[in-house]
Amino acid sequence: MKTLRIISRILVGLVFIFSGFVKGVDPLGTAYKITDYFEAYHMVWAIPLSLYLSIILCAFEFVLGVLLVLNVKMKQVAWLTLLIMSFFTLVTFYDALYSPVPDCGCFGDAVKLTNWETFYKNVVLMVFVFIILFGRNKMKAWFSNIKEWGIIAVVSVAFIWFSVYNYRNLPMINFRLWKEGNKMLADNPQPSKFYLTYKNKKSGEAKEYLSNELPWQDTLWTANWEYVSTREDNPNKSLLGAFAIIDSSGTDMTDHFVRNPEFQFFIACYSISETNLDAFENKINPFIEKANQKGVSIILLTGSSPEEIKAFRAKFPKMNYEIFSSDDIALKAMIRSNPGLVFLKKATVLGQWHWRNIPEFNESDFQELAKKYVK
């Protein structure tokens, strides 16, 4: 039983440490997920608290995990672990049943689990939590009372600082698709194949045909078979998901800009009304001006309305750059900054910068960066 208690304590502790870390390294992403929950549970009034709750929740989870591993304050920690795990288990059970939020985000973007997988994971962990709870009085402390409080204070302050730093800059570790080195679109794209399913009107038999092999000229066949569905087989790997670049006429320019064989910079601004205008004035506009002088492509992507875009242009009448529409959620996934700068070449992500850290435009520096990933 002693060995089982040790295994349970370390196992649950490591899961909490991992969960707290992968969410705490991206506190803004965790805040987006908390916002999803508030909207799903009709608690819109609490949305402004999302970021603060993100940092507090991640810190609490991480610290609790450290205390479990280090056998600190086990009588109190055992009860806290039971309470938080009971809450998570109930929430994930409701999520599994009704899916108010498709992805619970329990491990951030590092590990994706379905709602049922998350619930089952929590049920298994609860077994170990009860072992910890019932054995808490037999776990002798390794440190004095003063040292235990010192560990709690140091780990709490350090992790909160860590999360705030990642919020004010970009996540130190990027678990999302738009991370440096990722190729967003495949080279030499091949045409998609379309398969059509038809059902025999009499027998109910279903058959699938390649679109160009459909026997539509056979009048007997057309009289006896009816269309059911279409399936696309796209051989080209794409990490773009819902991301798209749409110009003012509604034309999709995604492929043109993402595959640009030269330098391509995106200014991602999911919401112009919520963006930092000083960042444009002091960081981005000077960068754009120097990039334009070198003939480098740089465009602004936003999920804002045409009216908001017009008002934004009026604030910076001297800046002449193209503004394209894009999905605001896709832009939030692209970079955790509003605005933020993304650097690509040949569909490969070469760099990302929070608006606080946007460098001066220096072509040679970007040439060196491109050599790391693009041959």
Protein backbone atom coordinates (compact mmCIF):
# COMPACT_ATOMS: atom_id res chain seq x y z
CA MET A 1 0.00 0.00 0.00
CA LYS A 2 2.90 2.34 0.70
CA THR A 3 4.22 1.80 -2.83
CA LEU A 4 0.73 2.31 -4.26
CA ARG A 5 0.37 5.58 -2.36
CA ILE A 6 3.72 6.82 -3.68
CA ILE A 7 2.84 5.84 -7.27
CA SER A 8 -0.57 7.51 -6.96
CA ARG A 9 0.88 10.71 -5.52
CA ILE A 10 3.59 11.02 -8.19
CA LEU A 11 1.32 10.01 -11.08
CA VAL A 12 -1.43 12.50 -10.22
CA GLY A 13 1.18 15.15 -9.43
CA LEU A 14 2.90 14.75 -12.81
CA VAL A 15 -0.41 14.93 -14.66
CA PHE A 16 -1.26 18.17 -12.84
CA ILE A 17 2.20 19.61 -13.54
CA PHE A 18 1.95 18.75 -17.24
CA SER A 19 -1.61 20.05 -17.52
CA GLY A 20 -0.81 23.30 -15.71
CA PHE A 21 2.37 23.86 -17.73
CA VAL A 22 0.97 23.30 -21.24
CA LYS A 23 -1.92 25.65 -20.48
CA GLY A 24 0.18 28.15 -18.53
CA VAL A 25 2.69 28.46 -21.37
CA ASP A 26 -0.24 29.77 -23.47
CA PRO A 27 -2.46 31.67 -21.00
CA LEU A 28 -4.25 33.59 -23.75
CA GLY A 29 -5.22 30.34 -25.50
CA THR A 30 -6.50 29.01 -22.17
CA ALA A 31 -8.47 32.24 -21.70
CA TYR A 32 -10.09 31.68 -25.10
CA LYS A 33 -11.13 28.21 -23.95
CA ILE A 34 -12.56 29.56 -20.68
CA THR A 35 -14.48 32.13 -22.73
CA ASP A 36 -15.97 29.26 -24.76
CA TYR A 37 -17.19 27.69 -21.52
CA PHE A 38 -18.70 30.95 -20.28
CA GLU A 39 -20.55 31.38 -23.58
CA ALA A 40 -21.74 27.76 -23.55
CA TYR A 41 -23.04 28.10 -20.00
CA HIS A 42 -24.60 31.54 -20.66
CA MET A 43 -22.21 33.34 -18.31
CA VAL A 44 -21.30 36.18 -20.66
CA TRP A 45 -20.89 38.55 -17.71
CA ALA A 46 -17.79 36.55 -16.63
CA ILE A 47 -15.94 36.74 -19.96
CA PRO A 48 -13.77 39.76 -18.88
CA LEU A 49 -12.39 37.53 -16.11
CA SER A 50 -11.21 34.82 -18.51
CA LEU A 51 -7.54 35.84 -18.66
CA TYR A 52 -7.22 36.26 -14.89
CA LEU A 53 -8.93 32.92 -14.30
CA SER A 54 -6.64 31.34 -16.89
CA ILE A 55 -3.50 32.40 -15.03
CA ILE A 56 -4.91 31.51 -11.60
CA LEU A 57 -6.25 28.10 -12.71
CA CYS A 58 -3.02 27.10 -14.46
CA ALA A 59 -0.92 28.23 -11.48
CA PHE A 60 -3.16 26.38 -9.02
CA GLU A 61 -2.99 23.20 -11.09
CA PHE A 62 0.80 23.38 -11.51
CA VAL A 63 1.47 24.20 -7.86
CA LEU A 64 -0.84 21.41 -6.70
CA GLY A 65 1.09 18.99 -8.89
CA VAL A 66 4.44 20.10 -7.44
CA LEU A 67 3.10 19.74 -3.89
CA LEU A 68 1.92 16.20 -4.64
CA VAL A 69 5.28 15.17 -6.09
CA LEU A 70 7.22 16.78 -3.20
CA ASN A 71 4.85 15.40 -0.55
CA VAL A 72 4.05 18.87 0.80
CA LYS A 73 1.02 19.57 3.03
CA MET A 74 -0.56 16.27 2.05
CA LYS A 75 -3.50 16.45 4.48
CA GLN A 76 -4.70 19.68 2.85
CA VAL A 77 -3.47 18.91 -0.68
CA ALA A 78 -5.31 15.57 -0.77
CA TRP A 79 -8.64 17.31 -0.15
CA LEU A 80 -7.88 20.08 -2.66
CA THR A 81 -6.99 17.46 -5.26
CA LEU A 82 -10.26 15.62 -4.63
CA LEU A 83 -12.28 18.83 -4.93
CA ILE A 84 -10.71 20.01 -8.19
CA MET A 85 -10.79 16.53 -9.74
CA SER A 86 -14.44 16.10 -8.75
CA PHE A 87 -15.25 19.42 -10.40
CA PHE A 88 -13.31 18.53 -13.58
CA THR A 89 -14.90 15.08 -13.74
CA LEU A 90 -18.43 16.44 -13.47
CA VAL A 91 -17.79 19.14 -16.08
CA THR A 92 -16.18 16.73 -18.53
CA PHE A 93 -19.03 14.22 -18.04
CA TYR A 94 -21.52 16.94 -19.01
CA ASP A 95 -19.27 17.87 -21.95
CA ALA A 96 -19.11 14.25 -23.07
CA LEU A 97 -22.89 13.93 -22.97
CA TYR A 98 -23.91 17.22 -24.58
CA SER A 99 -20.71 18.73 -26.12
CA PRO A 100 -21.36 22.38 -25.22
CA VAL A 101 -17.64 22.85 -25.91
CA PRO A 102 -16.21 20.45 -28.53
CA ASP A 103 -12.71 20.41 -27.04
CA CYS A 104 -12.27 20.81 -23.29
CA GLY A 105 -8.66 21.96 -23.68
CA CYS A 106 -7.49 20.12 -20.55
CA PHE A 107 -4.00 19.78 -22.04
CA GLY A 108 -4.08 22.96 -24.12
CA ASP A 109 -2.90 22.50 -27.69
CA ALA A 110 -0.21 20.00 -26.67
CA VAL A 111 -2.48 16.93 -26.50
CA LYS A 112 -5.93 16.82 -28.06
CA LEU A 113 -8.52 14.56 -26.45
CA THR A 114 -12.20 14.07 -27.22
CA ASN A 115 -14.64 14.91 -24.45
CA TRP A 116 -15.24 11.22 -23.74
CA GLU A 117 -11.49 10.51 -23.63
CA THR A 118 -11.08 13.39 -21.18
CA PHE A 119 -13.86 12.08 -18.97
CA TYR A 120 -12.42 8.55 -18.94
CA LYS A 121 -8.99 10.00 -18.11
CA ASN A 122 -10.50 11.83 -15.15
CA VAL A 123 -12.32 8.71 -13.93
CA VAL A 124 -9.03 6.77 -13.91
CA LEU A 125 -7.27 9.60 -12.10
CA MET A 126 -10.02 9.69 -9.47
CA VAL A 127 -9.04 6.15 -8.43
CA PHE A 128 -5.54 7.37 -7.61
CA VAL A 129 -6.91 10.51 -5.97
CA PHE A 130 -8.94 8.40 -3.51
CA ILE A 131 -5.83 6.35 -2.72
CA ILE A 132 -4.04 9.61 -1.90
CA LEU A 133 -6.97 10.84 0.18
CA PHE A 134 -7.33 7.69 2.29
CA GLY A 135 -3.58 7.41 2.78
CA ARG A 136 -2.87 11.08 3.48
CA ASN A 137 -2.29 10.58 7.23
CA LYS A 138 0.39 7.96 6.54
CA MET A 139 2.44 10.25 4.27
CA LYS A 140 5.07 11.80 6.51
CA ALA A 141 6.29 15.26 5.51
CA TRP A 142 9.79 15.63 4.04
CA PHE A 143 10.18 19.28 4.96
CA SER A 144 9.53 21.52 7.96
CA ASN A 145 6.41 23.68 8.07
CA ILE A 146 8.37 26.83 7.17
CA LYS A 147 10.06 25.14 4.21
CA GLU A 148 6.72 23.82 2.98
CA TRP A 149 5.22 27.31 2.96
CA GLY A 150 8.38 28.55 1.27
CA ILE A 151 7.97 25.96 -1.51
CA ILE A 152 4.34 26.99 -2.00
CA ALA A 153 5.26 30.68 -2.19
CA VAL A 154 8.23 30.28 -4.54
CA VAL A 155 6.52 27.90 -6.97
CA SER A 156 3.34 30.04 -7.03
CA VAL A 157 5.13 33.32 -7.71
CA ALA A 158 7.48 31.73 -10.28
CA PHE A 159 4.66 30.11 -12.24
CA ILE A 160 2.46 33.22 -12.23
CA TRP A 161 5.45 35.22 -13.54
CA PHE A 162 5.98 32.52 -16.17
CA SER A 163 2.36 32.74 -17.38
CA VAL A 164 2.33 36.54 -17.42
CA TYR A 165 5.57 36.55 -19.42
CA ASN A 166 4.06 34.19 -21.99
CA TYR A 167 0.99 36.41 -22.22
CA ARG A 168 2.98 39.62 -22.70
CA ASN A 169 5.20 37.99 -25.31
CA LEU A 170 4.50 34.79 -27.25
CA PRO A 171 4.37 31.28 -25.76
CA MET A 172 7.90 30.00 -25.10
CA ILE A 173 6.78 26.66 -26.55
CA ASN A 174 4.37 26.81 -29.48
CA PHE A 175 2.07 23.78 -29.68
CA ARG A 176 -0.09 25.26 -32.43
CA LEU A 177 0.04 24.65 -36.18
CA TRP A 178 1.52 28.04 -37.06
CA LYS A 179 4.84 27.38 -35.37
CA GLU A 180 8.27 28.03 -36.82
CA GLY A 181 9.34 25.41 -39.34
CA ASN A 182 5.86 24.10 -40.13
CA LYS A 183 4.95 23.87 -43.81
CA MET A 184 1.36 25.00 -44.11
CA LEU A 185 0.76 23.70 -47.64
CA ALA A 186 2.30 20.86 -49.62
CA ASP A 187 4.70 21.51 -52.49
CA ASN A 188 3.51 20.77 -56.04
CA PRO A 189 -0.19 20.38 -55.19
CA GLN A 190 -2.04 17.59 -56.95
CA PRO A 191 -5.67 17.93 -58.10
CA SER A 192 -8.36 16.56 -55.83
CA LYS A 193 -10.43 13.55 -56.83
CA PHE A 194 -14.19 13.60 -56.40
CA TYR A 195 -16.18 10.44 -55.73
CA LEU A 196 -19.95 10.33 -56.14
CA THR A 197 -22.16 7.78 -54.40
CA TYR A 198 -25.31 6.57 -56.17
CA LYS A 199 -28.02 4.21 -54.90
CA ASN A 200 -30.04 1.73 -56.95
CA LYS A 201 -33.70 2.74 -56.76
CA LYS A 202 -34.95 -0.87 -56.63
CA SER A 203 -32.37 -2.86 -54.67
CA GLY A 204 -30.98 -0.05 -52.50
CA GLU A 205 -27.43 -1.05 -53.45
CA ALA A 206 -24.94 1.82 -53.16
CA LYS A 207 -21.93 2.31 -55.42
CA GLU A 208 -19.18 4.92 -55.48
CA TYR A 209 -17.86 6.31 -58.76
CA LEU A 210 -14.93 8.53 -59.62
CA SER A 211 -16.47 11.72 -61.04
CA ASN A 212 -14.94 11.31 -64.50
CA GLU A 213 -15.98 7.64 -64.67
CA LEU A 214 -19.66 8.21 -63.98
CA PRO A 215 -21.78 6.37 -66.63
CA TRP A 216 -24.07 9.35 -67.12
CA GLN A 217 -24.50 8.61 -70.86
CA ASP A 218 -26.08 5.24 -70.06
CA THR A 219 -29.81 6.03 -70.06
CA LEU A 220 -30.69 2.70 -68.42
CA TRP A 221 -28.25 3.44 -65.59
CA THR A 222 -29.52 7.00 -65.05
CA ALA A 223 -33.07 5.68 -64.87
CA ASN A 224 -32.26 3.18 -62.12
CA TRP A 225 -29.71 5.02 -59.98
CA GLU A 226 -30.08 8.17 -57.89
CA TYR A 227 -27.44 10.51 -56.45
CA VAL A 228 -26.66 10.24 -52.71
CA SER A 229 -23.49 12.14 -51.84
CA THR A 230 -20.08 13.43 -52.93
CA ARG A 231 -16.70 12.75 -51.33
CA GLU A 232 -13.49 14.69 -52.00
CA ASP A 233 -10.09 12.97 -51.84
CA ASN A 234 -7.51 15.75 -51.43
CA PRO A 235 -3.95 14.35 -51.60
CA ASN A 236 -2.40 17.66 -50.56
CA LYS A 237 -1.45 18.09 -46.92
CA SER A 238 -2.73 21.35 -45.46
CA LEU A 239 -2.45 22.77 -41.94
CA LEU A 240 -4.53 25.86 -42.74
CA GLY A 241 -7.89 24.54 -41.52
CA ALA A 242 -10.44 27.38 -41.59
CA PHE A 243 -7.78 30.00 -42.36
CA ALA A 244 -8.38 31.96 -45.57
CA ILE A 245 -7.37 35.29 -47.10
CA ILE A 246 -10.29 37.03 -48.84
CA ASP A 247 -10.00 40.31 -50.72
CA SER A 248 -12.66 43.05 -50.89
CA SER A 249 -14.32 41.44 -53.94
CA GLY A 250 -14.66 38.06 -52.17
CA THR A 251 -11.82 36.37 -54.07
CA ASP A 252 -9.85 33.73 -52.15
CA MET A 253 -6.18 34.79 -52.22
CA THR A 254 -4.94 32.24 -49.67
CA ASP A 255 -2.83 30.14 -52.00
CA HIS A 256 -1.29 33.20 -53.65
CA PHE A 257 0.05 34.69 -50.43
CA VAL A 258 0.83 31.54 -48.45
CA ARG A 259 2.83 30.02 -51.32
CA ASN A 260 4.67 33.26 -52.10
CA PRO A 261 8.20 32.13 -53.17
CA GLU A 262 9.62 35.39 -51.78
CA PHE A 263 9.30 36.93 -48.32
CA GLN A 264 5.71 37.19 -47.13
CA PHE A 265 4.65 38.99 -43.94
CA PHE A 266 1.20 38.82 -42.38
CA ILE A 267 0.01 41.34 -39.80
CA ALA A 268 -2.59 39.32 -37.91
CA CYS A 269 -5.18 41.52 -36.22
CA TYR A 270 -8.24 39.47 -35.32
CA SER A 271 -10.07 42.57 -34.03
CA ILE A 272 -9.24 46.10 -35.13
CA SER A 273 -11.50 47.58 -32.44
CA GLU A 274 -9.51 45.75 -29.72
CA THR A 275 -6.04 46.12 -31.24
CA ASN A 276 -3.17 48.18 -29.82
CA LEU A 277 -3.01 51.32 -31.97
CA ASP A 278 0.28 52.44 -30.42
CA ALA A 279 1.81 49.20 -31.71
CA PHE A 280 0.82 50.20 -35.23
CA GLU A 281 2.12 53.71 -34.78
CA ASN A 282 5.49 52.82 -33.25
CA LYS A 283 6.25 49.27 -34.41
CA ILE A 284 4.22 48.00 -37.34
CA ASN A 285 3.87 51.06 -39.58
CA PRO A 286 7.65 51.76 -39.61
CA PHE A 287 8.20 48.05 -40.37
CA ILE A 288 5.69 48.17 -43.25
CA GLU A 289 7.24 51.32 -44.67
CA LYS A 290 10.73 49.77 -44.82
CA ALA A 291 9.36 46.49 -46.20
CA ASN A 292 7.53 48.36 -48.96
CA GLN A 293 10.73 50.17 -49.89
CA LYS A 294 12.35 46.78 -50.49
CA GLY A 295 9.37 45.49 -52.46
CA VAL A 296 8.54 42.86 -49.82
CA SER A 297 4.93 41.68 -49.62
CA ILE A 298 3.23 42.57 -46.35
CA ILE A 299 -0.54 42.50 -45.81
CA LEU A 300 -2.91 42.97 -42.88
CA LEU A 301 -5.40 40.22 -42.05
CA THR A 302 -8.40 40.95 -39.86
CA GLY A 303 -11.73 39.51 -38.86
CA SER A 304 -13.23 42.99 -38.44
CA SER A 305 -16.12 44.49 -40.38
CA PRO A 306 -15.70 46.81 -43.42
CA GLU A 307 -16.83 49.74 -41.25
CA GLU A 308 -14.12 49.04 -38.68
CA ILE A 309 -11.53 48.68 -41.44
CA LYS A 310 -12.57 52.03 -42.93
CA ALA A 311 -12.28 53.75 -39.54
CA PHE A 312 -8.87 52.15 -39.02
CA ARG A 313 -7.60 53.41 -42.38
CA ALA A 314 -8.72 56.91 -41.46
CA LYS A 315 -6.47 56.83 -38.38
CA PHE A 316 -3.41 56.02 -40.53
CA PRO A 317 -4.05 57.80 -43.86
CA LYS A 318 -0.37 57.78 -44.90
CA MET A 319 0.01 54.01 -44.62
CA ASN A 320 -0.75 52.34 -47.93
CA TYR A 321 -1.04 48.59 -47.46
CA GLU A 322 -3.59 45.98 -48.40
CA ILE A 323 -6.12 44.76 -45.85
CA PHE A 324 -7.73 41.35 -46.33
CA SER A 325 -10.50 39.58 -44.44
CA SER A 326 -9.88 36.39 -42.52
CA ASP A 327 -11.63 34.37 -39.83
CA ASP A 328 -11.01 35.93 -36.40
CA ILE A 329 -10.78 32.53 -34.68
CA ALA A 330 -8.21 31.35 -37.24
CA LEU A 331 -6.18 34.52 -36.59
CA LYS A 332 -6.31 33.90 -32.84
CA ALA A 333 -4.97 30.41 -33.51
CA MET A 334 -2.27 31.76 -35.81
CA ILE A 335 -0.61 34.03 -33.24
CA ARG A 336 -1.36 35.03 -29.65
CA SER A 337 -1.05 38.75 -30.27
CA ASN A 338 -3.39 41.46 -31.53
CA PRO A 339 -1.65 42.64 -33.64
CA GLY A 340 1.13 40.15 -34.35
CA LEU A 341 3.62 39.61 -37.16
CA VAL A 342 4.04 36.31 -39.04
CA PHE A 343 6.85 35.63 -41.53
CA LEU A 344 6.53 33.03 -44.32
CA LYS A 345 8.27 31.89 -47.47
CA LYS A 346 7.08 29.11 -49.78
CA ALA A 347 4.28 28.23 -47.32
CA THR A 348 6.79 27.67 -44.49
CA VAL A 349 6.45 29.61 -41.24
CA LEU A 350 9.79 31.26 -40.54
CA GLY A 351 8.99 33.48 -37.58
CA GLN A 352 6.37 35.04 -35.31
CA TRP A 353 6.55 38.19 -33.19
CA HIS A 354 4.30 39.68 -30.55
CA TRP A 355 3.69 43.37 -31.18
CA ARG A 356 5.97 44.18 -28.24
CA ASN A 357 8.87 42.36 -29.89
CA ILE A 358 8.54 43.26 -33.58
CA PRO A 359 12.09 43.86 -34.89
CA GLU A 360 13.22 46.58 -37.26
CA PHE A 361 13.07 45.53 -40.88
CA ASN A 362 16.51 44.22 -41.85
CA GLU A 363 16.51 42.13 -45.01
CA SER A 364 19.76 40.30 -44.21
CA ASP A 365 18.41 39.16 -40.83
CA PHE A 366 15.35 37.64 -42.49
CA GLN A 367 17.52 36.00 -45.15
CA GLU A 368 19.45 34.23 -42.39
CA LEU A 369 16.21 33.16 -40.72
CA ALA A 370 14.88 31.77 -44.01
CA LYS A 371 17.99 29.61 -44.50
CA LYS A 372 17.05 27.61 -41.37
CA TYR A 373 13.91 26.15 -42.94
CA VAL A 374 13.80 26.90 -46.68
CA LYS A 375 16.41 25.44 -49.00
